[in-house]
């Protein structure tokens, strides 16, 4: 069990499942942008959820900070010539999320 804020005991598998869902949502930002769909609103929703998760998983702040900074930076990469940087940043975010997922497994 993982002890989080408020001294709650959470099954690491529940956190891992939630992280898998978030990883899929971050990955979906790529085709959304390529297809010209609204990718900013889903990104805002992801940021809110990750901010909440950061407040609960107290020992993951360093990774969450880097992740949140990169995701916020995506809002600046809106021009067509920025797409390669956008794509690269998405993959960096996926790597950071996998790091958090692996860290949770160690609990």
C-alpha atoms as a PDB file:
ATOM      1  CA  UNK A   1       0.000   0.000   0.000  1.00  0.00           C
ATOM      2  CA  UNK A   2       1.112   3.533  -0.756  1.00  0.00           C
ATOM      3  CA  UNK A   3       0.679   6.131   1.934  1.00  0.00           C
ATOM      4  CA  UNK A   4      -0.360   9.439   0.464  1.00  0.00           C
ATOM      5  CA  UNK A   5      -1.464  12.794   1.780  1.00  0.00           C
ATOM      6  CA  UNK A   6      -4.131  12.569   4.503  1.00  0.00           C
ATOM      7  CA  UNK A   7      -2.509   9.274   5.616  1.00  0.00           C
ATOM      8  CA  UNK A   8      -4.656   7.333   3.159  1.00  0.00           C
ATOM      9  CA  UNK A   9      -3.541   3.873   2.112  1.00  0.00           C
ATOM     10  CA  UNK A  10      -3.888   3.337  -1.645  1.00  0.00           C
ATOM     11  CA  UNK A  11      -3.227   0.130  -3.542  1.00  0.00           C
ATOM     12  CA  UNK A  12      -0.287   0.808  -5.900  1.00  0.00           C
ATOM     13  CA  UNK A  13      -2.183  -1.042  -8.648  1.00  0.00           C
ATOM     14  CA  UNK A  14      -4.920   1.617  -8.527  1.00  0.00           C
ATOM     15  CA  UNK A  15      -2.326   4.363  -8.997  1.00  0.00           C
ATOM     16  CA  UNK A  16      -0.629   2.385 -11.767  1.00  0.00           C
ATOM     17  CA  UNK A  17      -3.957   1.900 -13.598  1.00  0.00           C
ATOM     18  CA  UNK A  18      -4.659   5.614 -13.354  1.00  0.00           C
ATOM     19  CA  UNK A  19      -1.197   6.408 -14.711  1.00  0.00           C
ATOM     20  CA  UNK A  20      -1.747   4.034 -17.649  1.00  0.00           C
ATOM     21  CA  UNK A  21      -4.936   5.909 -18.502  1.00  0.00           C
ATOM     22  CA  UNK A  22      -3.124   9.245 -18.281  1.00  0.00           C
ATOM     23  CA  UNK A  23      -0.289   7.931 -20.467  1.00  0.00           C
ATOM     24  CA  UNK A  24      -2.854   7.014 -23.123  1.00  0.00           C
ATOM     25  CA  UNK A  25      -4.446  10.450 -22.900  1.00  0.00           C
ATOM     26  CA  UNK A  26      -1.087  12.199 -23.287  1.00  0.00           C
ATOM     27  CA  UNK A  27      -0.272  10.025 -26.297  1.00  0.00           C
ATOM     28  CA  UNK A  28      -3.644  10.927 -27.880  1.00  0.00           C
ATOM     29  CA  UNK A  29      -2.591  14.578 -27.920  1.00  0.00           C
ATOM     30  CA  UNK A  30      -0.422  13.767 -30.959  1.00  0.00           C
ATOM     31  CA  UNK A  31      -3.182  12.648 -33.349  1.00  0.00           C
ATOM     32  CA  UNK A  32      -5.486  15.365 -32.007  1.00  0.00           C
ATOM     33  CA  UNK A  33      -2.982  18.009 -33.029  1.00  0.00           C
ATOM     34  CA  UNK A  34      -2.201  16.329 -36.365  1.00  0.00           C
ATOM     35  CA  UNK A  35      -5.903  16.151 -37.234  1.00  0.00           C
ATOM     36  CA  UNK A  36      -6.534  19.753 -36.236  1.00  0.00           C
ATOM     37  CA  UNK A  37      -8.765  18.755 -33.310  1.00  0.00           C
ATOM     38  CA  UNK A  38      -8.895  20.686 -30.054  1.00  0.00           C
ATOM     39  CA  UNK A  39      -5.900  19.351 -28.138  1.00  0.00           C
ATOM     40  CA  UNK A  40      -5.640  22.255 -25.702  1.00  0.00           C
ATOM     41  CA  UNK A  41      -8.786  21.475 -23.678  1.00  0.00           C
ATOM     42  CA  UNK A  42      -7.771  17.812 -23.112  1.00  0.00           C
ATOM     43  CA  UNK A  43      -4.298  19.063 -22.160  1.00  0.00           C
ATOM     44  CA  UNK A  44      -5.817  21.458 -19.610  1.00  0.00           C
ATOM     45  CA  UNK A  45      -7.829  18.573 -18.136  1.00  0.00           C
ATOM     46  CA  UNK A  46      -4.695  16.407 -17.911  1.00  0.00           C
ATOM     47  CA  UNK A  47      -2.799  19.207 -16.199  1.00  0.00           C
ATOM     48  CA  UNK A  48      -5.511  19.577 -13.571  1.00  0.00           C
ATOM     49  CA  UNK A  49      -5.484  15.868 -12.839  1.00  0.00           C
ATOM     50  CA  UNK A  50      -1.697  15.708 -12.673  1.00  0.00           C
ATOM     51  CA  UNK A  51      -1.570  18.721 -10.349  1.00  0.00           C
ATOM     52  CA  UNK A  52      -3.925  16.872  -8.033  1.00  0.00           C
ATOM     53  CA  UNK A  53      -1.888  13.689  -8.244  1.00  0.00           C
ATOM     54  CA  UNK A  54       1.264  15.677  -7.453  1.00  0.00           C
ATOM     55  CA  UNK A  55      -0.407  17.008  -4.302  1.00  0.00           C
ATOM     56  CA  UNK A  56      -1.168  13.440  -3.201  1.00  0.00           C
ATOM     57  CA  UNK A  57       1.996  11.541  -4.167  1.00  0.00           C
ATOM     58  CA  UNK A  58       4.307  13.517  -1.953  1.00  0.00           C
ATOM     59  CA  UNK A  59       7.532  11.734  -2.856  1.00  0.00           C
ATOM     60  CA  UNK A  60       7.248  12.266  -6.637  1.00  0.00           C
ATOM     61  CA  UNK A  61       7.417  16.078  -6.727  1.00  0.00           C
ATOM     62  CA  UNK A  62      10.691  16.231  -8.673  1.00  0.00           C
ATOM     63  CA  UNK A  63       9.356  14.155 -11.578  1.00  0.00           C
ATOM     64  CA  UNK A  64       5.935  15.827 -11.499  1.00  0.00           C
ATOM     65  CA  UNK A  65       7.526  19.278 -11.671  1.00  0.00           C
ATOM     66  CA  UNK A  66       9.427  18.398 -14.833  1.00  0.00           C
ATOM     67  CA  UNK A  67       6.338  16.729 -16.326  1.00  0.00           C
ATOM     68  CA  UNK A  68       4.076  19.697 -15.597  1.00  0.00           C
ATOM     69  CA  UNK A  69       6.637  22.134 -17.017  1.00  0.00           C
ATOM     70  CA  UNK A  70       6.858  20.185 -20.266  1.00  0.00           C
ATOM     71  CA  UNK A  71       3.095  19.843 -20.620  1.00  0.00           C
ATOM     72  CA  UNK A  72       2.623  23.586 -19.971  1.00  0.00           C
ATOM     73  CA  UNK A  73       5.235  24.267 -22.629  1.00  0.00           C
ATOM     74  CA  UNK A  74       3.103  22.517 -25.236  1.00  0.00           C
ATOM     75  CA  UNK A  75       0.772  25.525 -25.231  1.00  0.00           C
ATOM     76  CA  UNK A  76       3.642  27.530 -26.767  1.00  0.00           C
ATOM     77  CA  UNK A  77       4.259  25.068 -29.611  1.00  0.00           C
ATOM     78  CA  UNK A  78       1.300  25.979 -31.800  1.00  0.00           C
ATOM     79  CA  UNK A  79       2.864  26.727 -35.186  1.00  0.00           C
ATOM     80  CA  UNK A  80       3.167  24.014 -37.832  1.00  0.00           C
ATOM     81  CA  UNK A  81       6.964  24.272 -37.730  1.00  0.00           C
ATOM     82  CA  UNK A  82       6.806  23.509 -33.984  1.00  0.00           C
ATOM     83  CA  UNK A  83       5.261  20.073 -34.470  1.00  0.00           C
ATOM     84  CA  UNK A  84       8.534  18.131 -34.213  1.00  0.00           C
ATOM     85  CA  UNK A  85       9.285  19.812 -30.870  1.00  0.00           C
ATOM     86  CA  UNK A  86       5.683  19.186 -29.785  1.00  0.00           C
ATOM     87  CA  UNK A  87       6.017  15.506 -30.671  1.00  0.00           C
ATOM     88  CA  UNK A  88       9.378  15.207 -28.910  1.00  0.00           C
ATOM     89  CA  UNK A  89       7.978  16.847 -25.793  1.00  0.00           C
ATOM     90  CA  UNK A  90       5.043  14.420 -25.788  1.00  0.00           C
ATOM     91  CA  UNK A  91       7.473  11.497 -25.795  1.00  0.00           C
ATOM     92  CA  UNK A  92       9.523  13.083 -23.003  1.00  0.00           C
ATOM     93  CA  UNK A  93       6.302  13.402 -20.984  1.00  0.00           C
ATOM     94  CA  UNK A  94       5.457   9.759 -21.624  1.00  0.00           C
ATOM     95  CA  UNK A  95       8.892   8.790 -20.335  1.00  0.00           C
ATOM     96  CA  UNK A  96       8.384  10.853 -17.169  1.00  0.00           C
ATOM     97  CA  UNK A  97       4.967   9.265 -16.601  1.00  0.00           C
ATOM     98  CA  UNK A  98       6.540   5.829 -16.961  1.00  0.00           C
ATOM     99  CA  UNK A  99       9.156   6.859 -14.390  1.00  0.00           C
ATOM    100  CA  UNK A 100       6.390   7.749 -11.937  1.00  0.00           C
ATOM    101  CA  UNK A 101       4.643   4.453 -12.709  1.00  0.00           C
ATOM    102  CA  UNK A 102       7.848   2.499 -12.018  1.00  0.00           C
ATOM    103  CA  UNK A 103       8.445   4.433  -8.797  1.00  0.00           C
ATOM    104  CA  UNK A 104       4.929   3.563  -7.602  1.00  0.00           C
ATOM    105  CA  UNK A 105       5.607  -0.135  -8.291  1.00  0.00           C
ATOM    106  CA  UNK A 106       8.453   0.026  -5.781  1.00  0.00           C
ATOM    107  CA  UNK A 107       6.113   0.866  -2.895  1.00  0.00           C
END
